[in-house]
Amino acid sequence: MAHKERHTAPKKKGGAVKILLAVVLLLVLAAGAAGVFAYNEINGNGKPGTEVTVSIPQGSGVAAIAQELKDAGVNVVEVTSEQKDAFIDAASSVYDLFIEKYGGSQELIDLAMKYNDDF
């Protein structure tokens, strides 16, 4: 009886480890990019512009203040209606929790509505 040798390809070892290392590397790179983005958003990534003085009339709402700043040449970030809606929804949820915990008064409700209209 002749002895038959089996010729099989050697099993590759470490395939799962290589995939895991690649995933970890991608996560580290993503975290680093997010860190750089956050740092630039907080500290700015450029030199300050020309200093301007803006007078805001007492009682001005958010929209009026934004317009005054824009008219003075201050870089004002435009907010989309979707962003406004998301902010109002979040603020409304916080307000509901506040009322649930501490109770509410008509004066507090009127004040909240005034700022909601200004926004």
PDB file of N, CA and C in Angstrom:
ATOM      1  N   MET A   1       0.831  -1.156   0.000  1.00  0.00           N
ATOM      2  CA  MET A   1       0.000   0.000   0.000  1.00  0.00           C
ATOM      3  C   MET A   1       0.897   1.247   0.000  1.00  0.00           C
ATOM      4  N   ALA A   2       0.658   2.068  -0.953  1.00  0.00           N
ATOM      5  CA  ALA A   2       1.467   3.275  -1.080  1.00  0.00           C
ATOM      6  C   ALA A   2       0.911   4.356  -0.163  1.00  0.00           C
ATOM      7  N   HIS A   3       1.812   5.105   0.379  1.00  0.00           N
ATOM      8  CA  HIS A   3       1.415   6.184   1.282  1.00  0.00           C
ATOM      9  C   HIS A   3       1.085   7.424   0.450  1.00  0.00           C
ATOM     10  N   LYS A   4      -0.097   7.935   0.613  1.00  0.00           N
ATOM     11  CA  LYS A   4      -0.508   9.120  -0.140  1.00  0.00           C
ATOM     12  C   LYS A   4      -0.253  10.356   0.722  1.00  0.00           C
ATOM     13  N   GLU A   5       0.449  11.272   0.147  1.00  0.00           N
ATOM     14  CA  GLU A   5       0.666  12.533   0.866  1.00  0.00           C
ATOM     15  C   GLU A   5      -0.414  13.529   0.465  1.00  0.00           C
ATOM     16  N   ARG A   6      -0.878  14.187   1.417  1.00  0.00           N
ATOM     17  CA  ARG A   6      -1.860  15.235   1.127  1.00  0.00           C
ATOM     18  C   ARG A   6      -1.133  16.557   1.063  1.00  0.00           C
ATOM     19  N   HIS A   7      -1.343  17.206  -0.027  1.00  0.00           N
ATOM     20  CA  HIS A   7      -0.751  18.538  -0.177  1.00  0.00           C
ATOM     21  C   HIS A   7      -1.864  19.569  -0.032  1.00  0.00           C
ATOM     22  N   THR A   8      -1.883  20.185   1.099  1.00  0.00           N
ATOM     23  CA  THR A   8      -2.879  21.232   1.337  1.00  0.00           C
ATOM     24  C   THR A   8      -2.137  22.527   1.605  1.00  0.00           C
ATOM     25  N   ALA A   9      -2.774  23.591   1.245  1.00  0.00           N
ATOM     26  CA  ALA A   9      -2.172  24.900   1.483  1.00  0.00           C
ATOM     27  C   ALA A   9      -2.089  25.137   2.986  1.00  0.00           C
ATOM     28  N   PRO A  10      -1.013  25.714   3.432  1.00  0.00           N
ATOM     29  CA  PRO A  10      -0.910  25.995   4.872  1.00  0.00           C
ATOM     30  C   PRO A  10      -1.996  26.985   5.287  1.00  0.00           C
ATOM     31  N   LYS A  11      -2.510  26.753   6.468  1.00  0.00           N
ATOM     32  CA  LYS A  11      -3.555  27.641   6.965  1.00  0.00           C
ATOM     33  C   LYS A  11      -2.954  28.994   7.318  1.00  0.00           C
ATOM     34  N   LYS A  12      -3.665  30.017   6.920  1.00  0.00           N
ATOM     35  CA  LYS A  12      -3.218  31.373   7.238  1.00  0.00           C
ATOM     36  C   LYS A  12      -3.612  31.681   8.670  1.00  0.00           C
ATOM     37  N   LYS A  13      -2.670  32.162   9.406  1.00  0.00           N
ATOM     38  CA  LYS A  13      -2.938  32.510  10.796  1.00  0.00           C
ATOM     39  C   LYS A  13      -2.924  34.026  10.930  1.00  0.00           C
ATOM     40  N   GLY A  14      -3.733  34.517  11.816  1.00  0.00           N
ATOM     41  CA  GLY A  14      -3.723  35.944  12.110  1.00  0.00           C
ATOM     42  C   GLY A  14      -4.651  36.771  11.244  1.00  0.00           C
ATOM     43  N   GLY A  15      -5.525  36.181  10.460  1.00  0.00           N
ATOM     44  CA  GLY A  15      -6.440  36.951   9.617  1.00  0.00           C
ATOM     45  C   GLY A  15      -7.380  37.810  10.446  1.00  0.00           C
ATOM     46  N   ALA A  16      -7.929  37.231  11.508  1.00  0.00           N
ATOM     47  CA  ALA A  16      -8.844  37.979  12.373  1.00  0.00           C
ATOM     48  C   ALA A  16      -8.098  39.092  13.105  1.00  0.00           C
ATOM     49  N   VAL A  17      -6.862  38.825  13.485  1.00  0.00           N
ATOM     50  CA  VAL A  17      -6.069  39.828  14.190  1.00  0.00           C
ATOM     51  C   VAL A  17      -5.791  41.016  13.275  1.00  0.00           C
ATOM     52  N   LYS A  18      -5.474  40.748  12.014  1.00  0.00           N
ATOM     53  CA  LYS A  18      -5.214  41.833  11.066  1.00  0.00           C
ATOM     54  C   LYS A  18      -6.458  42.688  10.853  1.00  0.00           C
ATOM     55  N   ILE A  19      -7.607  42.042  10.746  1.00  0.00           N
ATOM     56  CA  ILE A  19      -8.856  42.790  10.576  1.00  0.00           C
ATOM     57  C   ILE A  19      -9.127  43.644  11.805  1.00  0.00           C
ATOM     58  N   LEU A  20      -8.930  43.062  12.990  1.00  0.00           N
ATOM     59  CA  LEU A  20      -9.151  43.803  14.234  1.00  0.00           C
ATOM     60  C   LEU A  20      -8.213  44.998  14.322  1.00  0.00           C
ATOM     61  N   LEU A  21      -6.948  44.806  13.973  1.00  0.00           N
ATOM     62  CA  LEU A  21      -5.989  45.917  13.995  1.00  0.00           C
ATOM     63  C   LEU A  21      -6.384  47.007  13.003  1.00  0.00           C
ATOM     64  N   ALA A  22      -6.874  46.631  11.832  1.00  0.00           N
ATOM     65  CA  ALA A  22      -7.307  47.616  10.837  1.00  0.00           C
ATOM     66  C   ALA A  22      -8.495  48.425  11.363  1.00  0.00           C
ATOM     67  N   VAL A  23      -9.432  47.752  12.010  1.00  0.00           N
ATOM     68  CA  VAL A  23     -10.603  48.436  12.571  1.00  0.00           C
ATOM     69  C   VAL A  23     -10.167  49.392  13.675  1.00  0.00           C
ATOM     70  N   VAL A  24      -9.278  48.930  14.547  1.00  0.00           N
ATOM     71  CA  VAL A  24      -8.786  49.784  15.637  1.00  0.00           C
ATOM     72  C   VAL A  24      -8.061  50.998  15.066  1.00  0.00           C
ATOM     73  N   LEU A  25      -7.235  50.782  14.041  1.00  0.00           N
ATOM     74  CA  LEU A  25      -6.525  51.893  13.408  1.00  0.00           C
ATOM     75  C   LEU A  25      -7.501  52.912  12.824  1.00  0.00           C
ATOM     76  N   LEU A  26      -8.543  52.439  12.163  1.00  0.00           N
ATOM     77  CA  LEU A  26      -9.546  53.355  11.600  1.00  0.00           C
ATOM     78  C   LEU A  26     -10.257  54.135  12.707  1.00  0.00           C
ATOM     79  N   LEU A  27     -10.565  53.466  13.813  1.00  0.00           N
ATOM     80  CA  LEU A  27     -11.221  54.155  14.926  1.00  0.00           C
ATOM     81  C   LEU A  27     -10.305  55.219  15.532  1.00  0.00           C
ATOM     82  N   VAL A  28      -9.022  54.907  15.662  1.00  0.00           N
ATOM     83  CA  VAL A  28      -8.067  55.886  16.199  1.00  0.00           C
ATOM     84  C   VAL A  28      -7.955  57.081  15.263  1.00  0.00           C
ATOM     85  N   LEU A  29      -7.886  56.822  13.961  1.00  0.00           N
ATOM     86  CA  LEU A  29      -7.812  57.923  12.998  1.00  0.00           C
ATOM     87  C   LEU A  29      -9.078  58.784  13.031  1.00  0.00           C
ATOM     88  N   ALA A  30     -10.243  58.139  13.126  1.00  0.00           N
ATOM     89  CA  ALA A  30     -11.505  58.885  13.191  1.00  0.00           C
ATOM     90  C   ALA A  30     -11.565  59.727  14.461  1.00  0.00           C
ATOM     91  N   ALA A  31     -11.136  59.150  15.585  1.00  0.00           N
ATOM     92  CA  ALA A  31     -11.134  59.901  16.849  1.00  0.00           C
ATOM     93  C   ALA A  31     -10.173  61.083  16.763  1.00  0.00           C
ATOM     94  N   GLY A  32      -9.020  60.884  16.133  1.00  0.00           N
ATOM     95  CA  GLY A  32      -8.067  61.979  15.974  1.00  0.00           C
ATOM     96  C   GLY A  32      -8.622  63.090  15.107  1.00  0.00           C
ATOM     97  N   ALA A  33      -9.278  62.724  14.010  1.00  0.00           N
ATOM     98  CA  ALA A  33      -9.883  63.730  13.131  1.00  0.00           C
ATOM     99  C   ALA A  33     -10.979  64.497  13.862  1.00  0.00           C
ATOM    100  N   ALA A  34     -11.779  63.776  14.635  1.00  0.00           N
ATOM    101  CA  ALA A  34     -12.838  64.441  15.411  1.00  0.00           C
ATOM    102  C   ALA A  34     -12.235  65.388  16.443  1.00  0.00           C
ATOM    103  N   GLY A  35     -11.131  64.978  17.052  1.00  0.00           N
ATOM    104  CA  GLY A  35     -10.456  65.837  18.034  1.00  0.00           C
ATOM    105  C   GLY A  35      -9.928  67.112  17.403  1.00  0.00           C
ATOM    106  N   VAL A  36      -9.309  66.989  16.236  1.00  0.00           N
ATOM    107  CA  VAL A  36      -8.792  68.171  15.531  1.00  0.00           C
ATOM    108  C   VAL A  36      -9.942  69.088  15.135  1.00  0.00           C
ATOM    109  N   PHE A  37     -11.037  68.513  14.633  1.00  0.00           N
ATOM    110  CA  PHE A  37     -12.197  69.311  14.254  1.00  0.00           C
ATOM    111  C   PHE A  37     -12.748  70.066  15.459  1.00  0.00           C
ATOM    112  N   ALA A  38     -12.906  69.353  16.585  1.00  0.00           N
ATOM    113  CA  ALA A  38     -13.439  69.990  17.800  1.00  0.00           C
ATOM    114  C   ALA A  38     -12.511  71.100  18.287  1.00  0.00           C
ATOM    115  N   TYR A  39     -11.207  70.848  18.273  1.00  0.00           N
ATOM    116  CA  TYR A  39     -10.248  71.860  18.705  1.00  0.00           C
ATOM    117  C   TYR A  39     -10.365  73.112  17.842  1.00  0.00           C
ATOM    118  N   ASN A  40     -10.447  72.923  16.523  1.00  0.00           N
ATOM    119  CA  ASN A  40     -10.564  74.076  15.627  1.00  0.00           C
ATOM    120  C   ASN A  40     -11.881  74.815  15.813  1.00  0.00           C
ATOM    121  N   GLU A  41     -12.951  74.090  16.098  1.00  0.00           N
ATOM    122  CA  GLU A  41     -14.244  74.740  16.325  1.00  0.00           C
ATOM    123  C   GLU A  41     -14.217  75.565  17.609  1.00  0.00           C
ATOM    124  N   ILE A  42     -13.561  75.055  18.628  1.00  0.00           N
ATOM    125  CA  ILE A  42     -13.520  75.750  19.916  1.00  0.00           C
ATOM    126  C   ILE A  42     -12.557  76.921  19.885  1.00  0.00           C
ATOM    127  N   ASN A  43     -11.373  76.714  19.341  1.00  0.00           N
ATOM    128  CA  ASN A  43     -10.322  77.728  19.388  1.00  0.00           C
ATOM    129  C   ASN A  43     -10.213  78.555  18.116  1.00  0.00           C
ATOM    130  N   GLY A  44     -10.943  78.186  17.113  1.00  0.00           N
ATOM    131  CA  GLY A  44     -10.838  78.895  15.842  1.00  0.00           C
ATOM    132  C   GLY A  44      -9.603  78.444  15.098  1.00  0.00           C
ATOM    133  N   ASN A  45      -9.632  78.533  13.816  1.00  0.00           N
ATOM    134  CA  ASN A  45      -8.469  78.119  13.034  1.00  0.00           C
ATOM    135  C   ASN A  45      -8.076  79.239  12.084  1.00  0.00           C
ATOM    136  N   GLY A  46      -7.689  80.310  12.650  1.00  0.00           N
ATOM    137  CA  GLY A  46      -7.278  81.443  11.848  1.00  0.00           C
ATOM    138  C   GLY A  46      -7.083  82.646  12.738  1.00  0.00           C
ATOM    139  N   LYS A  47      -6.693  83.725  12.116  1.00  0.00           N
ATOM    140  CA  LYS A  47      -6.490  84.953  12.877  1.00  0.00           C
ATOM    141  C   LYS A  47      -7.812  85.676  13.024  1.00  0.00           C
ATOM    142  N   PRO A  48      -7.979  86.389  14.141  1.00  0.00           N
ATOM    143  CA  PRO A  48      -9.214  87.156  14.304  1.00  0.00           C
ATOM    144  C   PRO A  48      -9.318  88.241  13.235  1.00  0.00           C
ATOM    145  N   GLY A  49     -10.528  88.553  12.890  1.00  0.00           N
ATOM    146  CA  GLY A  49     -10.762  89.593  11.902  1.00  0.00           C
ATOM    147  C   GLY A  49     -10.669  90.975  12.527  1.00  0.00           C
ATOM    148  N   THR A  50     -11.112  91.941  11.782  1.00  0.00           N
ATOM    149  CA  THR A  50     -11.111  93.321  12.259  1.00  0.00           C
ATOM    150  C   THR A  50     -12.103  93.469  13.401  1.00  0.00           C
ATOM    151  N   GLU A  51     -11.694  94.188  14.436  1.00  0.00           N
ATOM    152  CA  GLU A  51     -12.566  94.410  15.574  1.00  0.00           C
ATOM    153  C   GLU A  51     -13.665  95.396  15.186  1.00  0.00           C
ATOM    154  N   VAL A  52     -14.892  95.052  15.555  1.00  0.00           N
ATOM    155  CA  VAL A  52     -16.026  95.935  15.291  1.00  0.00           C
ATOM    156  C   VAL A  52     -16.793  96.165  16.582  1.00  0.00           C
ATOM    157  N   THR A  53     -17.474  97.287  16.640  1.00  0.00           N
ATOM    158  CA  THR A  53     -18.331  97.600  17.771  1.00  0.00           C
ATOM    159  C   THR A  53     -19.758  97.606  17.275  1.00  0.00           C
ATOM    160  N   VAL A  54     -20.616  96.904  17.999  1.00  0.00           N
ATOM    161  CA  VAL A  54     -22.015  96.805  17.614  1.00  0.00           C
ATOM    162  C   VAL A  54     -22.864  97.223  18.805  1.00  0.00           C
ATOM    163  N   SER A  55     -23.840  98.080  18.558  1.00  0.00           N
ATOM    164  CA  SER A  55     -24.781  98.481  19.606  1.00  0.00           C
ATOM    165  C   SER A  55     -26.070  97.704  19.425  1.00  0.00           C
ATOM    166  N   ILE A  56     -26.460  96.993  20.459  1.00  0.00           N
ATOM    167  CA  ILE A  56     -27.684  96.202  20.415  1.00  0.00           C
ATOM    168  C   ILE A  56     -28.727  96.928  21.257  1.00  0.00           C
ATOM    169  N   PRO A  57     -29.826  97.352  20.645  1.00  0.00           N
ATOM    170  CA  PRO A  57     -30.868  98.034  21.413  1.00  0.00           C
ATOM    171  C   PRO A  57     -31.467  97.106  22.477  1.00  0.00           C
ATOM    172  N   GLN A  58     -31.748  97.682  23.632  1.00  0.00           N
ATOM    173  CA  GLN A  58     -32.343  96.906  24.709  1.00  0.00           C
ATOM    174  C   GLN A  58     -33.668  96.305  24.249  1.00  0.00           C
ATOM    175  N   GLY A  59     -33.881  95.057  24.606  1.00  0.00           N
ATOM    176  CA  GLY A  59     -35.106  94.369  24.244  1.00  0.00           C
ATOM    177  C   GLY A  59     -35.060  93.696  22.881  1.00  0.00           C
ATOM    178  N   SER A  60     -33.904  93.761  22.206  1.00  0.00           N
ATOM    179  CA  SER A  60     -33.776  93.122  20.893  1.00  0.00           C
ATOM    180  C   SER A  60     -33.868  91.611  21.040  1.00  0.00           C
ATOM    181  N   GLY A  61     -34.529  90.995  20.089  1.00  0.00           N
ATOM    182  CA  GLY A  61     -34.623  89.540  20.080  1.00  0.00           C
ATOM    183  C   GLY A  61     -33.419  88.929  19.388  1.00  0.00           C
ATOM    184  N   VAL A  62     -33.384  87.621  19.376  1.00  0.00           N
ATOM    185  CA  VAL A  62     -32.270  86.892  18.777  1.00  0.00           C
ATOM    186  C   VAL A  62     -32.127  87.235  17.301  1.00  0.00           C
ATOM    187  N   ALA A  63     -33.227  87.277  16.577  1.00  0.00           N
ATOM    188  CA  ALA A  63     -33.173  87.565  15.147  1.00  0.00           C
ATOM    189  C   ALA A  63     -32.640  88.976  14.889  1.00  0.00           C
ATOM    190  N   ALA A  64     -33.066  89.939  15.688  1.00  0.00           N
ATOM    191  CA  ALA A  64     -32.603  91.316  15.518  1.00  0.00           C
ATOM    192  C   ALA A  64     -31.115  91.442  15.832  1.00  0.00           C
ATOM    193  N   ILE A  65     -30.650  90.744  16.867  1.00  0.00           N
ATOM    194  CA  ILE A  65     -29.229  90.770  17.218  1.00  0.00           C
ATOM    195  C   ILE A  65     -28.403  90.139  16.097  1.00  0.00           C
ATOM    196  N   ALA A  66     -28.864  89.018  15.576  1.00  0.00           N
ATOM    197  CA  ALA A  66     -28.155  88.364  14.475  1.00  0.00           C
ATOM    198  C   ALA A  66     -28.063  89.287  13.272  1.00  0.00           C
ATOM    199  N   GLN A  67     -29.130  90.002  12.973  1.00  0.00           N
ATOM    200  CA  GLN A  67     -29.125  90.921  11.836  1.00  0.00           C
ATOM    201  C   GLN A  67     -28.154  92.072  12.070  1.00  0.00           C
ATOM    202  N   GLU A  68     -28.109  92.614  13.307  1.00  0.00           N
ATOM    203  CA  GLU A  68     -27.167  93.696  13.631  1.00  0.00           C
ATOM    204  C   GLU A  68     -25.728  93.218  13.425  1.00  0.00           C
ATOM    205  N   LEU A  69     -25.431  92.012  13.882  1.00  0.00           N
ATOM    206  CA  LEU A  69     -24.081  91.468  13.731  1.00  0.00           C
ATOM    207  C   LEU A  69     -23.742  91.252  12.256  1.00  0.00           C
ATOM    208  N   LYS A  70     -24.690  90.722  11.517  1.00  0.00           N
ATOM    209  CA  LYS A  70     -24.471  90.480  10.089  1.00  0.00           C
ATOM    210  C   LYS A  70     -24.242  91.795   9.350  1.00  0.00           C
ATOM    211  N   ASP A  71     -25.043  92.812   9.672  1.00  0.00           N
ATOM    212  CA  ASP A  71     -24.895  94.123   9.038  1.00  0.00           C
ATOM    213  C   ASP A  71     -23.536  94.744   9.343  1.00  0.00           C
ATOM    214  N   ALA A  72     -22.983  94.425  10.524  1.00  0.00           N
ATOM    215  CA  ALA A  72     -21.678  94.963  10.917  1.00  0.00           C
ATOM    216  C   ALA A  72     -20.528  94.167  10.309  1.00  0.00           C
ATOM    217  N   GLY A  73     -20.843  93.099   9.579  1.00  0.00           N
ATOM    218  CA  GLY A  73     -19.797  92.317   8.934  1.00  0.00           C
ATOM    219  C   GLY A  73     -19.273  91.168   9.764  1.00  0.00           C
ATOM    220  N   VAL A  74     -19.946  90.874  10.874  1.00  0.00           N
ATOM    221  CA  VAL A  74     -19.541  89.744  11.707  1.00  0.00           C
ATOM    222  C   VAL A  74     -20.030  88.472  11.035  1.00  0.00           C
ATOM    223  N   ASN A  75     -19.159  87.470  10.985  1.00  0.00           N
ATOM    224  CA  ASN A  75     -19.511  86.201  10.356  1.00  0.00           C
ATOM    225  C   ASN A  75     -20.559  85.505  11.206  1.00  0.00           C
ATOM    226  N   VAL A  76     -21.780  85.529  10.743  1.00  0.00           N
ATOM    227  CA  VAL A  76     -22.901  84.921  11.460  1.00  0.00           C
ATOM    228  C   VAL A  76     -23.269  83.631  10.751  1.00  0.00           C
ATOM    229  N   VAL A  77     -23.333  82.551  11.512  1.00  0.00           N
ATOM    230  CA  VAL A  77     -23.676  81.256  10.940  1.00  0.00           C
ATOM    231  C   VAL A  77     -25.182  81.195  10.731  1.00  0.00           C
ATOM    232  N   GLU A  78     -25.579  80.877   9.513  1.00  0.00           N
ATOM    233  CA  GLU A  78     -27.001  80.731   9.219  1.00  0.00           C
ATOM    234  C   GLU A  78     -27.501  79.399   9.777  1.00  0.00           C
ATOM    235  N   VAL A  79     -28.670  79.397  10.332  1.00  0.00           N
ATOM    236  CA  VAL A  79     -29.264  78.190  10.905  1.00  0.00           C
ATOM    237  C   VAL A  79     -30.443  77.790  10.026  1.00  0.00           C
ATOM    238  N   THR A  80     -30.484  76.518   9.645  1.00  0.00           N
ATOM    239  CA  THR A  80     -31.575  76.038   8.807  1.00  0.00           C
ATOM    240  C   THR A  80     -32.839  75.869   9.638  1.00  0.00           C
ATOM    241  N   SER A  81     -33.965  75.788   8.960  1.00  0.00           N
ATOM    242  CA  SER A  81     -35.226  75.608   9.678  1.00  0.00           C
ATOM    243  C   SER A  81     -35.253  74.252  10.384  1.00  0.00           C
ATOM    244  N   GLU A  82     -34.574  73.239   9.811  1.00  0.00           N
ATOM    245  CA  GLU A  82     -34.507  71.935  10.467  1.00  0.00           C
ATOM    246  C   GLU A  82     -33.733  72.029  11.774  1.00  0.00           C
ATOM    247  N   GLN A  83     -32.631  72.806  11.779  1.00  0.00           N
ATOM    248  CA  GLN A  83     -31.852  72.991  13.001  1.00  0.00           C
ATOM    249  C   GLN A  83     -32.666  73.748  14.046  1.00  0.00           C
ATOM    250  N   LYS A  84     -33.410  74.771  13.602  1.00  0.00           N
ATOM    251  CA  LYS A  84     -34.262  75.510  14.530  1.00  0.00           C
ATOM    252  C   LYS A  84     -35.313  74.589  15.143  1.00  0.00           C
ATOM    253  N   ASP A  85     -35.948  73.770  14.288  1.00  0.00           N
ATOM    254  CA  ASP A  85     -36.974  72.846  14.778  1.00  0.00           C
ATOM    255  C   ASP A  85     -36.393  71.858  15.779  1.00  0.00           C
ATOM    256  N   ALA A  86     -35.185  71.333  15.492  1.00  0.00           N
ATOM    257  CA  ALA A  86     -34.545  70.387  16.405  1.00  0.00           C
ATOM    258  C   ALA A  86     -34.230  71.055  17.733  1.00  0.00           C
ATOM    259  N   PHE A  87     -33.762  72.311  17.678  1.00  0.00           N
ATOM    260  CA  PHE A  87     -33.471  73.039  18.915  1.00  0.00           C
ATOM    261  C   PHE A  87     -34.746  73.291  19.713  1.00  0.00           C
ATOM    262  N   ILE A  88     -35.795  73.711  19.028  1.00  0.00           N
ATOM    263  CA  ILE A  88     -37.062  73.986  19.714  1.00  0.00           C
ATOM    264  C   ILE A  88     -37.627  72.710  20.325  1.00  0.00           C
ATOM    265  N   ASP A  89     -37.519  71.584  19.606  1.00  0.00           N
ATOM    266  CA  ASP A  89     -37.980  70.308  20.164  1.00  0.00           C
ATOM    267  C   ASP A  89     -37.199  69.942  21.420  1.00  0.00           C
ATOM    268  N   ALA A  90     -35.877  70.109  21.370  1.00  0.00           N
ATOM    269  CA  ALA A  90     -35.047  69.790  22.533  1.00  0.00           C
ATOM    270  C   ALA A  90     -35.371  70.721  23.697  1.00  0.00           C
ATOM    271  N   ALA A  91     -35.496  72.010  23.402  1.00  0.00           N
ATOM    272  CA  ALA A  91     -35.816  72.977  24.450  1.00  0.00           C
ATOM    273  C   ALA A  91     -37.201  72.698  25.040  1.00  0.00           C
ATOM    274  N   SER A  92     -38.130  72.315  24.196  1.00  0.00           N
ATOM    275  CA  SER A  92     -39.479  71.997  24.656  1.00  0.00           C
ATOM    276  C   SER A  92     -39.465  70.786  25.589  1.00  0.00           C
ATOM    277  N   SER A  93     -38.644  69.789  25.263  1.00  0.00           N
ATOM    278  CA  SER A  93     -38.538  68.609  26.125  1.00  0.00           C
ATOM    279  C   SER A  93     -37.968  68.971  27.482  1.00  0.00           C
ATOM    280  N   VAL A  94     -36.928  69.813  27.477  1.00  0.00           N
ATOM    281  CA  VAL A  94     -36.335  70.256  28.748  1.00  0.00           C
ATOM    282  C   VAL A  94     -37.361  71.071  29.536  1.00  0.00           C
ATOM    283  N   TYR A  95     -38.082  71.941  28.839  1.00  0.00           N
ATOM    284  CA  TYR A  95     -39.110  72.757  29.491  1.00  0.00           C
ATOM    285  C   TYR A  95     -40.180  71.861  30.119  1.00  0.00           C
ATOM    286  N   ASP A  96     -40.625  70.834  29.380  1.00  0.00           N
ATOM    287  CA  ASP A  96     -41.642  69.917  29.914  1.00  0.00           C
ATOM    288  C   ASP A  96     -41.142  69.207  31.168  1.00  0.00           C
ATOM    289  N   LEU A  97     -39.878  68.785  31.156  1.00  0.00           N
ATOM    290  CA  LEU A  97     -39.304  68.143  32.345  1.00  0.00           C
ATOM    291  C   LEU A  97     -39.241  69.117  33.522  1.00  0.00           C
ATOM    292  N   PHE A  98     -38.877  70.371  33.220  1.00  0.00           N
ATOM    293  CA  PHE A  98     -38.817  71.400  34.264  1.00  0.00           C
ATOM    294  C   PHE A  98     -40.198  71.614  34.882  1.00  0.00           C
ATOM    295  N   ILE A  99     -41.216  71.749  34.057  1.00  0.00           N
ATOM    296  CA  ILE A  99     -42.582  71.972  34.539  1.00  0.00           C
ATOM    297  C   ILE A  99     -43.055  70.765  35.347  1.00  0.00           C
ATOM    298  N   GLU A 100     -42.737  69.568  34.858  1.00  0.00           N
ATOM    299  CA  GLU A 100     -43.140  68.342  35.559  1.00  0.00           C
ATOM    300  C   GLU A 100     -42.516  68.287  36.949  1.00  0.00           C
ATOM    301  N   LYS A 101     -41.264  68.703  37.050  1.00  0.00           N
ATOM    302  CA  LYS A 101     -40.568  68.615  38.336  1.00  0.00           C
ATOM    303  C   LYS A 101     -40.885  69.797  39.254  1.00  0.00           C
ATOM    304  N   TYR A 102     -40.914  71.019  38.702  1.00  0.00           N
ATOM    305  CA  TYR A 102     -41.026  72.212  39.539  1.00  0.00           C
ATOM    306  C   TYR A 102     -42.367  72.930  39.434  1.00  0.00           C
ATOM    307  N   GLY A 103     -43.227  72.512  38.530  1.00  0.00           N
ATOM    308  CA  GLY A 103     -44.497  73.209  38.347  1.00  0.00           C
ATOM    309  C   GLY A 103     -44.300  74.415  37.449  1.00  0.00           C
ATOM    310  N   GLY A 104     -45.372  74.991  36.998  1.00  0.00           N
ATOM    311  CA  GLY A 104     -45.257  76.114  36.084  1.00  0.00           C
ATOM    312  C   GLY A 104     -46.238  77.214  36.426  1.00  0.00           C
ATOM    313  N   SER A 105     -45.947  78.372  35.913  1.00  0.00           N
ATOM    314  CA  SER A 105     -46.845  79.499  36.106  1.00  0.00           C
ATOM    315  C   SER A 105     -47.081  80.144  34.749  1.00  0.00           C
ATOM    316  N   GLN A 106     -48.119  80.914  34.651  1.00  0.00           N
ATOM    317  CA  GLN A 106     -48.420  81.585  33.393  1.00  0.00           C
ATOM    318  C   GLN A 106     -47.296  82.545  33.023  1.00  0.00           C
ATOM    319  N   GLU A 107     -46.681  83.182  34.018  1.00  0.00           N
ATOM    320  CA  GLU A 107     -45.582  84.105  33.756  1.00  0.00           C
ATOM    321  C   GLU A 107     -44.404  83.376  33.103  1.00  0.00           C
ATOM    322  N   LEU A 108     -44.080  82.191  33.600  1.00  0.00           N
ATOM    323  CA  LEU A 108     -42.998  81.399  33.037  1.00  0.00           C
ATOM    324  C   LEU A 108     -43.329  80.963  31.614  1.00  0.00           C
ATOM    325  N   ILE A 109     -44.570  80.569  31.387  1.00  0.00           N
ATOM    326  CA  ILE A 109     -45.003  80.159  30.061  1.00  0.00           C
ATOM    327  C   ILE A 109     -44.932  81.331  29.088  1.00  0.00           C
ATOM    328  N   ASP A 110     -45.386  82.513  29.520  1.00  0.00           N
ATOM    329  CA  ASP A 110     -45.335  83.695  28.660  1.00  0.00           C
ATOM    330  C   ASP A 110     -43.892  84.059  28.303  1.00  0.00           C
ATOM    331  N   LEU A 111     -43.006  83.970  29.276  1.00  0.00           N
ATOM    332  CA  LEU A 111     -41.592  84.270  29.041  1.00  0.00           C
ATOM    333  C   LEU A 111     -41.001  83.295  28.018  1.00  0.00           C
ATOM    334  N   ALA A 112     -41.289  82.020  28.171  1.00  0.00           N
ATOM    335  CA  ALA A 112     -40.793  81.014  27.230  1.00  0.00           C
ATOM    336  C   ALA A 112     -41.330  81.264  25.832  1.00  0.00           C
ATOM    337  N   MET A 113     -42.586  81.626  25.717  1.00  0.00           N
ATOM    338  CA  MET A 113     -43.177  81.888  24.406  1.00  0.00           C
ATOM    339  C   MET A 113     -42.553  83.115  23.759  1.00  0.00           C
ATOM    340  N   LYS A 114     -42.194  84.139  24.542  1.00  0.00           N
ATOM    341  CA  LYS A 114     -41.561  85.328  23.997  1.00  0.00           C
ATOM    342  C   LYS A 114     -40.242  84.951  23.344  1.00  0.00           C
ATOM    343  N   TYR A 115     -39.415  84.166  24.044  1.00  0.00           N
ATOM    344  CA  TYR A 115     -38.145  83.762  23.467  1.00  0.00           C
ATOM    345  C   TYR A 115     -38.331  82.827  22.278  1.00  0.00           C
ATOM    346  N   ASN A 116     -39.352  82.010  22.303  1.00  0.00           N
ATOM    347  CA  ASN A 116     -39.639  81.128  21.174  1.00  0.00           C
ATOM    348  C   ASN A 116     -39.971  81.952  19.932  1.00  0.00           C
ATOM    349  N   ASP A 117     -40.732  83.040  20.109  1.00  0.00           N
ATOM    350  CA  ASP A 117     -41.084  83.902  18.978  1.00  0.00           C
ATOM    351  C   ASP A 117     -39.855  84.618  18.436  1.00  0.00           C
ATOM    352  N   ASP A 118     -38.940  85.038  19.334  1.00  0.00           N
ATOM    353  CA  ASP A 118     -37.726  85.721  18.906  1.00  0.00           C
ATOM    354  C   ASP A 118     -36.817  84.793  18.125  1.00  0.00           C
ATOM    355  N   PHE A 119     -36.824  83.541  18.485  1.00  0.00           N
ATOM    356  CA  PHE A 119     -35.924  82.577  17.843  1.00  0.00           C
ATOM    357  C   PHE A 119     -36.410  82.315  16.446  1.00  0.00           C
TER     358      PHE A 119
END
